[in-house]
Amino acid sequence: MKTPHDDKLIRCPKLGDEMTFAYCLCEGGHLPCVRIIRCWSPVFDIESFLKGHLSEKSWLKFINTRAPDKMTNLIELIEAAKAKK
Protein backbone atom coordinates (compact mmCIF):
# COMPACT_ATOMS: atom_id res chain seq x y z
CA MET A 1 0.00 0.00 0.00
CA LYS A 2 1.34 3.43 -0.94
CA THR A 3 1.03 6.12 1.73
CA PRO A 4 2.11 9.76 2.12
CA HIS A 5 4.39 8.68 4.98
CA ASP A 6 6.38 6.05 3.05
CA ASP A 7 9.59 8.07 2.74
CA LYS A 8 9.70 9.31 6.35
CA LEU A 9 12.70 8.01 8.29
CA ILE A 10 13.03 6.98 11.92
CA ARG A 11 15.72 5.14 13.86
CA CYS A 12 14.74 1.50 14.24
CA PRO A 13 15.54 0.16 17.72
CA LYS A 14 15.27 -3.38 16.39
CA LEU A 15 17.76 -2.97 13.53
CA GLY A 16 19.84 -0.09 14.88
CA ASP A 17 19.65 2.09 11.76
CA GLU A 18 17.25 4.46 10.05
CA MET A 19 14.32 2.81 8.29
CA THR A 20 11.49 4.20 6.22
CA PHE A 21 7.87 4.04 7.27
CA ALA A 22 7.25 1.89 4.18
CA TYR A 23 9.66 -0.72 5.56
CA CYS A 24 7.93 -0.69 8.96
CA LEU A 25 4.58 -1.34 7.27
CA CYS A 26 5.80 -4.57 5.68
CA GLU A 27 8.54 -5.72 8.10
CA GLY A 28 6.24 -8.36 9.54
CA GLY A 29 5.39 -9.83 6.13
CA HIS A 30 1.74 -9.02 5.54
CA LEU A 31 1.56 -7.13 8.83
CA PRO A 32 3.46 -4.10 10.11
CA CYS A 33 6.36 -4.44 12.52
CA VAL A 34 5.12 -5.24 16.02
CA ARG A 35 6.86 -2.06 17.27
CA ILE A 36 5.39 0.34 14.70
CA ILE A 37 2.99 2.02 17.12
CA ARG A 38 5.67 2.53 19.77
CA CYS A 39 8.14 3.94 17.24
CA TRP A 40 5.89 6.13 15.08
CA SER A 41 3.35 7.48 17.60
CA PRO A 42 5.51 10.58 18.38
CA VAL A 43 5.51 11.41 14.64
CA PHE A 44 1.81 11.04 13.79
CA ASP A 45 -1.36 9.20 14.84
CA ILE A 46 -0.15 5.79 13.69
CA GLU A 47 -2.86 3.81 15.45
CA SER A 48 -5.65 5.62 13.57
CA PHE A 49 -3.66 5.29 10.36
CA LEU A 50 -3.31 1.52 10.77
CA LYS A 51 -6.98 1.07 11.71
CA GLY A 52 -7.90 2.91 8.51
CA HIS A 53 -5.51 1.01 6.26
CA LEU A 54 -5.62 -2.56 7.59
CA SER A 55 -8.57 -4.88 7.21
CA GLU A 56 -10.39 -5.69 10.43
CA LYS A 57 -8.93 -9.21 10.34
CA SER A 58 -5.38 -7.87 9.82
CA TRP A 59 -5.83 -5.25 12.55
CA LEU A 60 -6.98 -7.88 15.07
CA LYS A 61 -4.10 -10.17 14.14
CA PHE A 62 -1.66 -7.25 14.43
CA ILE A 63 -2.81 -6.10 17.88
CA ASN A 64 -2.70 -9.66 19.17
CA THR A 65 0.94 -10.00 18.03
CA ARG A 66 2.94 -8.22 20.67
CA ALA A 67 6.63 -7.44 20.78
CA PRO A 68 8.35 -9.17 23.68
CA ASP A 69 9.21 -6.84 26.53
CA LYS A 70 12.89 -6.18 27.23
CA MET A 71 13.12 -8.64 30.11
CA THR A 72 11.62 -11.49 28.09
CA ASN A 73 13.88 -10.65 25.17
CA LEU A 74 16.95 -10.61 27.42
CA ILE A 75 16.07 -13.97 28.98
CA GLU A 76 15.60 -15.50 25.52
CA LEU A 77 18.99 -14.15 24.40
CA ILE A 78 20.70 -15.60 27.48
CA GLU A 79 19.05 -18.99 26.97
CA ALA A 80 20.08 -18.99 23.30
CA ALA A 81 23.68 -18.17 24.27
CA LYS A 82 23.72 -20.97 26.85
CA ALA A 83 22.38 -23.44 24.28
CA LYS A 84 25.27 -22.60 21.91
CA LYS A 85 27.87 -23.60 24.52
PDB file of N, CA and C in Angstrom:
ATOM      1  N   MET A   1       0.836  -1.175   0.000  1.00  0.00           N
ATOM      2  CA  MET A   1       0.000   0.000   0.000  1.00  0.00           C
ATOM      3  C   MET A   1       0.881   1.239   0.000  1.00  0.00           C
ATOM      4  N   LYS A   2       0.593   2.178  -0.825  1.00  0.00           N
ATOM      5  CA  LYS A   2       1.340   3.427  -0.938  1.00  0.00           C
ATOM      6  C   LYS A   2       0.707   4.456  -0.010  1.00  0.00           C
ATOM      7  N   THR A   3       1.537   5.125   0.791  1.00  0.00           N
ATOM      8  CA  THR A   3       1.030   6.121   1.731  1.00  0.00           C
ATOM      9  C   THR A   3       1.860   7.400   1.631  1.00  0.00           C
ATOM     10  N   PRO A   4       1.332   8.518   2.129  1.00  0.00           N
ATOM     11  CA  PRO A   4       2.113   9.764   2.122  1.00  0.00           C
ATOM     12  C   PRO A   4       3.276   9.752   3.117  1.00  0.00           C
ATOM     13  N   HIS A   5       3.332   8.764   3.973  1.00  0.00           N
ATOM     14  CA  HIS A   5       4.390   8.681   4.982  1.00  0.00           C
ATOM     15  C   HIS A   5       5.536   7.754   4.575  1.00  0.00           C
ATOM     16  N   ASP A   6       5.435   7.098   3.449  1.00  0.00           N
ATOM     17  CA  ASP A   6       6.382   6.052   3.051  1.00  0.00           C
ATOM     18  C   ASP A   6       7.851   6.450   3.145  1.00  0.00           C
ATOM     19  N   ASP A   7       8.186   7.664   2.786  1.00  0.00           N
ATOM     20  CA  ASP A   7       9.593   8.074   2.743  1.00  0.00           C
ATOM     21  C   ASP A   7      10.113   8.664   4.051  1.00  0.00           C
ATOM     22  N   LYS A   8       9.250   8.785   5.055  1.00  0.00           N
ATOM     23  CA  LYS A   8       9.698   9.312   6.346  1.00  0.00           C
ATOM     24  C   LYS A   8      10.659   8.316   6.991  1.00  0.00           C
ATOM     25  N   LEU A   9      11.683   8.845   7.646  1.00  0.00           N
ATOM     26  CA  LEU A   9      12.704   8.014   8.291  1.00  0.00           C
ATOM     27  C   LEU A   9      12.620   8.126   9.805  1.00  0.00           C
ATOM     28  N   ILE A  10      12.944   7.027  10.459  1.00  0.00           N
ATOM     29  CA  ILE A  10      13.032   6.983  11.916  1.00  0.00           C
ATOM     30  C   ILE A  10      14.090   5.946  12.268  1.00  0.00           C
ATOM     31  N   ARG A  11      14.727   6.126  13.427  1.00  0.00           N
ATOM     32  CA  ARG A  11      15.719   5.137  13.863  1.00  0.00           C
ATOM     33  C   ARG A  11      14.987   3.907  14.381  1.00  0.00           C
ATOM     34  N   CYS A  12      15.369   2.761  13.849  1.00  0.00           N
ATOM     35  CA  CYS A  12      14.742   1.499  14.236  1.00  0.00           C
ATOM     36  C   CYS A  12      15.504   0.898  15.417  1.00  0.00           C
ATOM     37  N   PRO A  13      14.846   0.751  16.580  1.00  0.00           N
ATOM     38  CA  PRO A  13      15.543   0.161  17.720  1.00  0.00           C
ATOM     39  C   PRO A  13      15.835  -1.319  17.520  1.00  0.00           C
ATOM     40  N   LYS A  14      15.092  -1.950  16.655  1.00  0.00           N
ATOM     41  CA  LYS A  14      15.271  -3.382  16.393  1.00  0.00           C
ATOM     42  C   LYS A  14      16.490  -3.635  15.505  1.00  0.00           C
ATOM     43  N   LEU A  15      16.673  -2.781  14.494  1.00  0.00           N
ATOM     44  CA  LEU A  15      17.759  -2.968  13.532  1.00  0.00           C
ATOM     45  C   LEU A  15      18.955  -2.052  13.779  1.00  0.00           C
ATOM     46  N   GLY A  16      18.741  -0.981  14.542  1.00  0.00           N
ATOM     47  CA  GLY A  16      19.838  -0.086  14.876  1.00  0.00           C
ATOM     48  C   GLY A  16      20.236   0.877  13.790  1.00  0.00           C
ATOM     49  N   ASP A  17      19.359   1.149  12.843  1.00  0.00           N
ATOM     50  CA  ASP A  17      19.651   2.087  11.765  1.00  0.00           C
ATOM     51  C   ASP A  17      18.358   2.785  11.379  1.00  0.00           C
ATOM     52  N   GLU A  18      18.454   3.782  10.508  1.00  0.00           N
ATOM     53  CA  GLU A  18      17.254   4.462  10.047  1.00  0.00           C
ATOM     54  C   GLU A  18      16.500   3.587   9.050  1.00  0.00           C
ATOM     55  N   MET A  19      15.192   3.558   9.190  1.00  0.00           N
ATOM     56  CA  MET A  19      14.318   2.806   8.291  1.00  0.00           C
ATOM     57  C   MET A  19      13.172   3.707   7.870  1.00  0.00           C
ATOM     58  N   THR A  20      12.636   3.430   6.698  1.00  0.00           N
ATOM     59  CA  THR A  20      11.493   4.198   6.221  1.00  0.00           C
ATOM     60  C   THR A  20      10.206   3.638   6.810  1.00  0.00           C
ATOM     61  N   PHE A  21       9.185   4.480   6.814  1.00  0.00           N
ATOM     62  CA  PHE A  21       7.874   4.039   7.268  1.00  0.00           C
ATOM     63  C   PHE A  21       7.379   2.892   6.392  1.00  0.00           C
ATOM     64  N   ALA A  22       7.671   2.957   5.098  1.00  0.00           N
ATOM     65  CA  ALA A  22       7.250   1.892   4.178  1.00  0.00           C
ATOM     66  C   ALA A  22       7.818   0.544   4.618  1.00  0.00           C
ATOM     67  N   TYR A  23       9.059   0.534   5.074  1.00  0.00           N
ATOM     68  CA  TYR A  23       9.661  -0.716   5.562  1.00  0.00           C
ATOM     69  C   TYR A  23       8.919  -1.220   6.793  1.00  0.00           C
ATOM     70  N   CYS A  24       8.623  -0.305   7.717  1.00  0.00           N
ATOM     71  CA  CYS A  24       7.932  -0.688   8.958  1.00  0.00           C
ATOM     72  C   CYS A  24       6.556  -1.294   8.673  1.00  0.00           C
ATOM     73  N   LEU A  25       5.903  -0.820   7.622  1.00  0.00           N
ATOM     74  CA  LEU A  25       4.580  -1.340   7.269  1.00  0.00           C
ATOM     75  C   LEU A  25       4.622  -2.786   6.802  1.00  0.00           C
ATOM     76  N   CYS A  26       5.744  -3.213   6.231  1.00  0.00           N
ATOM     77  CA  CYS A  26       5.799  -4.574   5.680  1.00  0.00           C
ATOM     78  C   CYS A  26       6.848  -5.452   6.354  1.00  0.00           C
ATOM     79  N   GLU A  27       7.479  -4.968   7.418  1.00  0.00           N
ATOM     80  CA  GLU A  27       8.540  -5.722   8.096  1.00  0.00           C
ATOM     81  C   GLU A  27       8.045  -7.065   8.598  1.00  0.00           C
ATOM     82  N   GLY A  28       6.802  -7.124   9.015  1.00  0.00           N
ATOM     83  CA  GLY A  28       6.241  -8.362   9.537  1.00  0.00           C
ATOM     84  C   GLY A  28       5.595  -9.220   8.468  1.00  0.00           C
ATOM     85  N   GLY A  29       6.016  -9.086   7.228  1.00  0.00           N
ATOM     86  CA  GLY A  29       5.394  -9.831   6.132  1.00  0.00           C
ATOM     87  C   GLY A  29       4.155  -9.100   5.655  1.00  0.00           C
ATOM     88  N   HIS A  30       2.993  -9.668   5.931  1.00  0.00           N
ATOM     89  CA  HIS A  30       1.743  -9.016   5.538  1.00  0.00           C
ATOM     90  C   HIS A  30       1.253  -8.057   6.614  1.00  0.00           C
ATOM     91  N   LEU A  31       1.935  -8.019   7.731  1.00  0.00           N
ATOM     92  CA  LEU A  31       1.564  -7.130   8.830  1.00  0.00           C
ATOM     93  C   LEU A  31       2.710  -6.169   9.127  1.00  0.00           C
ATOM     94  N   PRO A  32       2.392  -5.028   9.722  1.00  0.00           N
ATOM     95  CA  PRO A  32       3.459  -4.097  10.114  1.00  0.00           C
ATOM     96  C   PRO A  32       4.323  -4.680  11.219  1.00  0.00           C
ATOM     97  N   CYS A  33       5.470  -4.070  11.415  1.00  0.00           N
ATOM     98  CA  CYS A  33       6.361  -4.436  12.518  1.00  0.00           C
ATOM     99  C   CYS A  33       5.581  -4.334  13.829  1.00  0.00           C
ATOM    100  N   VAL A  34       5.842  -5.238  14.746  1.00  0.00           N
ATOM    101  CA  VAL A  34       5.122  -5.236  16.019  1.00  0.00           C
ATOM    102  C   VAL A  34       5.415  -3.982  16.845  1.00  0.00           C
ATOM    103  N   ARG A  35       6.480  -3.269  16.521  1.00  0.00           N
ATOM    104  CA  ARG A  35       6.860  -2.064  17.270  1.00  0.00           C
ATOM    105  C   ARG A  35       6.438  -0.770  16.582  1.00  0.00           C
ATOM    106  N   ILE A  36       5.701  -0.851  15.497  1.00  0.00           N
ATOM    107  CA  ILE A  36       5.394   0.336  14.698  1.00  0.00           C
ATOM    108  C   ILE A  36       4.658   1.412  15.493  1.00  0.00           C
ATOM    109  N   ILE A  37       3.737   1.027  16.348  1.00  0.00           N
ATOM    110  CA  ILE A  37       2.989   2.025  17.118  1.00  0.00           C
ATOM    111  C   ILE A  37       3.911   2.720  18.112  1.00  0.00           C
ATOM    112  N   ARG A  38       4.733   1.954  18.806  1.00  0.00           N
ATOM    113  CA  ARG A  38       5.671   2.526  19.772  1.00  0.00           C
ATOM    114  C   ARG A  38       6.648   3.486  19.085  1.00  0.00           C
ATOM    115  N   CYS A  39       7.138   3.127  17.923  1.00  0.00           N
ATOM    116  CA  CYS A  39       8.145   3.945  17.237  1.00  0.00           C
ATOM    117  C   CYS A  39       7.554   5.189  16.570  1.00  0.00           C
ATOM    118  N   TRP A  40       6.415   5.052  15.914  1.00  0.00           N
ATOM    119  CA  TRP A  40       5.887   6.125  15.084  1.00  0.00           C
ATOM    120  C   TRP A  40       4.861   7.017  15.778  1.00  0.00           C
ATOM    121  N   SER A  41       4.379   6.649  16.955  1.00  0.00           N
ATOM    122  CA  SER A  41       3.353   7.483  17.600  1.00  0.00           C
ATOM    123  C   SER A  41       3.814   8.910  17.917  1.00  0.00           C
ATOM    124  N   PRO A  42       5.109   9.177  18.186  1.00  0.00           N
ATOM    125  CA  PRO A  42       5.508  10.576  18.380  1.00  0.00           C
ATOM    126  C   PRO A  42       5.476  11.396  17.082  1.00  0.00           C
ATOM    127  N   VAL A  43       5.450  10.720  15.937  1.00  0.00           N
ATOM    128  CA  VAL A  43       5.512  11.410  14.643  1.00  0.00           C
ATOM    129  C   VAL A  43       4.116  11.750  14.120  1.00  0.00           C
ATOM    130  N   PHE A  44       3.189  10.802  14.208  1.00  0.00           N
ATOM    131  CA  PHE A  44       1.806  11.038  13.788  1.00  0.00           C
ATOM    132  C   PHE A  44       0.913   9.978  14.418  1.00  0.00           C
ATOM    133  N   ASP A  45      -0.399  10.108  14.222  1.00  0.00           N
ATOM    134  CA  ASP A  45      -1.364   9.197  14.836  1.00  0.00           C
ATOM    135  C   ASP A  45      -1.350   7.864  14.079  1.00  0.00           C
ATOM    136  N   ILE A  46      -0.367   7.053  14.389  1.00  0.00           N
ATOM    137  CA  ILE A  46      -0.148   5.791  13.689  1.00  0.00           C
ATOM    138  C   ILE A  46      -1.266   4.789  13.945  1.00  0.00           C
ATOM    139  N   GLU A  47      -1.809   4.776  15.144  1.00  0.00           N
ATOM    140  CA  GLU A  47      -2.863   3.809  15.450  1.00  0.00           C
ATOM    141  C   GLU A  47      -4.090   4.051  14.577  1.00  0.00           C
ATOM    142  N   SER A  48      -4.517   5.300  14.440  1.00  0.00           N
ATOM    143  CA  SER A  48      -5.653   5.617  13.570  1.00  0.00           C
ATOM    144  C   SER A  48      -5.322   5.297  12.118  1.00  0.00           C
ATOM    145  N   PHE A  49      -4.094   5.593  11.725  1.00  0.00           N
ATOM    146  CA  PHE A  49      -3.663   5.293  10.359  1.00  0.00           C
ATOM    147  C   PHE A  49      -3.790   3.800  10.074  1.00  0.00           C
ATOM    148  N   LEU A  50      -3.273   2.976  10.982  1.00  0.00           N
ATOM    149  CA  LEU A  50      -3.311   1.523  10.772  1.00  0.00           C
ATOM    150  C   LEU A  50      -4.742   0.993  10.771  1.00  0.00           C
ATOM    151  N   LYS A  51      -5.574   1.501  11.676  1.00  0.00           N
ATOM    152  CA  LYS A  51      -6.979   1.070  11.714  1.00  0.00           C
ATOM    153  C   LYS A  51      -7.674   1.392  10.404  1.00  0.00           C
ATOM    154  N   GLY A  52      -7.296   2.508   9.781  1.00  0.00           N
ATOM    155  CA  GLY A  52      -7.903   2.911   8.515  1.00  0.00           C
ATOM    156  C   GLY A  52      -7.356   2.186   7.307  1.00  0.00           C
ATOM    157  N   HIS A  53      -6.144   1.632   7.419  1.00  0.00           N
ATOM    158  CA  HIS A  53      -5.507   1.010   6.262  1.00  0.00           C
ATOM    159  C   HIS A  53      -5.452  -0.520   6.312  1.00  0.00           C
ATOM    160  N   LEU A  54      -5.622  -1.101   7.481  1.00  0.00           N
ATOM    161  CA  LEU A  54      -5.623  -2.561   7.589  1.00  0.00           C
ATOM    162  C   LEU A  54      -7.060  -3.067   7.608  1.00  0.00           C
ATOM    163  N   SER A  55      -7.248  -4.253   7.092  1.00  0.00           N
ATOM    164  CA  SER A  55      -8.569  -4.876   7.206  1.00  0.00           C
ATOM    165  C   SER A  55      -8.824  -5.175   8.679  1.00  0.00           C
ATOM    166  N   GLU A  56     -10.073  -5.395   9.031  1.00  0.00           N
ATOM    167  CA  GLU A  56     -10.390  -5.691  10.433  1.00  0.00           C
ATOM    168  C   GLU A  56      -9.663  -6.952  10.889  1.00  0.00           C
ATOM    169  N   LYS A  57      -9.608  -7.953  10.013  1.00  0.00           N
ATOM    170  CA  LYS A  57      -8.926  -9.206  10.341  1.00  0.00           C
ATOM    171  C   LYS A  57      -7.429  -8.959  10.564  1.00  0.00           C
ATOM    172  N   SER A  58      -6.809  -8.179   9.680  1.00  0.00           N
ATOM    173  CA  SER A  58      -5.376  -7.874   9.825  1.00  0.00           C
ATOM    174  C   SER A  58      -5.110  -7.040  11.071  1.00  0.00           C
ATOM    175  N   TRP A  59      -5.994  -6.074  11.364  1.00  0.00           N
ATOM    176  CA  TRP A  59      -5.830  -5.252  12.554  1.00  0.00           C
ATOM    177  C   TRP A  59      -5.873  -6.113  13.813  1.00  0.00           C
ATOM    178  N   LEU A  60      -6.849  -7.012  13.894  1.00  0.00           N
ATOM    179  CA  LEU A  60      -6.975  -7.876  15.071  1.00  0.00           C
ATOM    180  C   LEU A  60      -5.761  -8.796  15.213  1.00  0.00           C
ATOM    181  N   LYS A  61      -5.289  -9.319  14.096  1.00  0.00           N
ATOM    182  CA  LYS A  61      -4.096 -10.173  14.142  1.00  0.00           C
ATOM    183  C   LYS A  61      -2.882  -9.357  14.589  1.00  0.00           C
ATOM    184  N   PHE A  62      -2.773  -8.135  14.075  1.00  0.00           N
ATOM    185  CA  PHE A  62      -1.657  -7.255  14.430  1.00  0.00           C
ATOM    186  C   PHE A  62      -1.661  -6.920  15.918  1.00  0.00           C
ATOM    187  N   ILE A  63      -2.793  -6.507  16.472  1.00  0.00           N
ATOM    188  CA  ILE A  63      -2.809  -6.100  17.883  1.00  0.00           C
ATOM    189  C   ILE A  63      -2.646  -7.284  18.825  1.00  0.00           C
ATOM    190  N   ASN A  64      -2.897  -8.478  18.338  1.00  0.00           N
ATOM    191  CA  ASN A  64      -2.698  -9.665  19.166  1.00  0.00           C
ATOM    192  C   ASN A  64      -1.285 -10.224  19.042  1.00  0.00           C
ATOM    193  N   THR A  65      -0.472  -9.626  18.176  1.00  0.00           N
ATOM    194  CA  THR A  65       0.936  -9.999  18.030  1.00  0.00           C
ATOM    195  C   THR A  65       1.744  -8.927  18.726  1.00  0.00           C
ATOM    196  N   ARG A  66       2.241  -9.215  19.875  1.00  0.00           N
ATOM    197  CA  ARG A  66       2.940  -8.216  20.674  1.00  0.00           C
ATOM    198  C   ARG A  66       4.439  -8.455  20.655  1.00  0.00           C
ATOM    199  N   ALA A  67       5.176  -7.356  20.678  1.00  0.00           N
ATOM    200  CA  ALA A  67       6.632  -7.438  20.782  1.00  0.00           C
ATOM    201  C   ALA A  67       6.981  -7.883  22.196  1.00  0.00           C
ATOM    202  N   PRO A  68       7.952  -8.755  22.325  1.00  0.00           N
ATOM    203  CA  PRO A  68       8.354  -9.166  23.675  1.00  0.00           C
ATOM    204  C   PRO A  68       8.913  -7.971  24.444  1.00  0.00           C
ATOM    205  N   ASP A  69       8.643  -7.921  25.733  1.00  0.00           N
ATOM    206  CA  ASP A  69       9.215  -6.841  26.528  1.00  0.00           C
ATOM    207  C   ASP A  69      10.722  -7.078  26.677  1.00  0.00           C
ATOM    208  N   LYS A  70      11.427  -6.100  27.168  1.00  0.00           N
ATOM    209  CA  LYS A  70      12.892  -6.178  27.229  1.00  0.00           C
ATOM    210  C   LYS A  70      13.371  -7.333  28.103  1.00  0.00           C
ATOM    211  N   MET A  71      12.703  -7.573  29.210  1.00  0.00           N
ATOM    212  CA  MET A  71      13.123  -8.640  30.109  1.00  0.00           C
ATOM    213  C   MET A  71      12.970 -10.003  29.432  1.00  0.00           C
ATOM    214  N   THR A  72      11.835 -10.231  28.791  1.00  0.00           N
ATOM    215  CA  THR A  72      11.615 -11.494  28.088  1.00  0.00           C
ATOM    216  C   THR A  72      12.650 -11.675  26.986  1.00  0.00           C
ATOM    217  N   ASN A  73      12.903 -10.609  26.250  1.00  0.00           N
ATOM    218  CA  ASN A  73      13.878 -10.654  25.171  1.00  0.00           C
ATOM    219  C   ASN A  73      15.271 -10.977  25.716  1.00  0.00           C
ATOM    220  N   LEU A  74      15.650 -10.366  26.819  1.00  0.00           N
ATOM    221  CA  LEU A  74      16.953 -10.605  27.424  1.00  0.00           C
ATOM    222  C   LEU A  74      17.084 -12.057  27.890  1.00  0.00           C
ATOM    223  N   ILE A  75      16.052 -12.574  28.513  1.00  0.00           N
ATOM    224  CA  ILE A  75      16.072 -13.967  28.980  1.00  0.00           C
ATOM    225  C   ILE A  75      16.220 -14.923  27.795  1.00  0.00           C
ATOM    226  N   GLU A  76      15.497 -14.647  26.711  1.00  0.00           N
ATOM    227  CA  GLU A  76      15.599 -15.502  25.520  1.00  0.00           C
ATOM    228  C   GLU A  76      16.997 -15.447  24.930  1.00  0.00           C
ATOM    229  N   LEU A  77      17.621 -14.275  24.911  1.00  0.00           N
ATOM    230  CA  LEU A  77      18.989 -14.151  24.398  1.00  0.00           C
ATOM    231  C   LEU A  77      19.977 -14.939  25.265  1.00  0.00           C
ATOM    232  N   ILE A  78      19.816 -14.858  26.567  1.00  0.00           N
ATOM    233  CA  ILE A  78      20.697 -15.598  27.485  1.00  0.00           C
ATOM    234  C   ILE A  78      20.539 -17.086  27.294  1.00  0.00           C
ATOM    235  N   GLU A  79      19.305 -17.560  27.176  1.00  0.00           N
ATOM    236  CA  GLU A  79      19.048 -18.994  26.972  1.00  0.00           C
ATOM    237  C   GLU A  79      19.637 -19.463  25.639  1.00  0.00           C
ATOM    238  N   ALA A  80      19.527 -18.638  24.603  1.00  0.00           N
ATOM    239  CA  ALA A  80      20.083 -18.995  23.305  1.00  0.00           C
ATOM    240  C   ALA A  80      21.605 -19.089  23.379  1.00  0.00           C
ATOM    241  N   ALA A  81      22.225 -18.150  24.118  1.00  0.00           N
ATOM    242  CA  ALA A  81      23.684 -18.166  24.267  1.00  0.00           C
ATOM    243  C   ALA A  81      24.139 -19.406  25.046  1.00  0.00           C
ATOM    244  N   LYS A  82      23.393 -19.779  26.079  1.00  0.00           N
ATOM    245  CA  LYS A  82      23.719 -20.974  26.855  1.00  0.00           C
ATOM    246  C   LYS A  82      23.606 -22.236  25.986  1.00  0.00           C
ATOM    247  N   ALA A  83      22.595 -22.262  25.131  1.00  0.00           N
ATOM    248  CA  ALA A  83      22.376 -23.439  24.276  1.00  0.00           C
ATOM    249  C   ALA A  83      23.515 -23.612  23.267  1.00  0.00           C
ATOM    250  N   LYS A  84      24.162 -22.521  22.879  1.00  0.00           N
ATOM    251  CA  LYS A  84      25.266 -22.597  21.913  1.00  0.00           C
ATOM    252  C   LYS A  84      26.520 -23.182  22.530  1.00  0.00           C
ATOM    253  N   LYS A  85      26.657 -23.106  23.859  1.00  0.00           N
ATOM    254  CA  LYS A  85      27.870 -23.598  24.520  1.00  0.00           C
ATOM    255  C   LYS A  85      27.961 -25.077  24.510  1.00  0.00           C
TER     256      LYS A  85
END
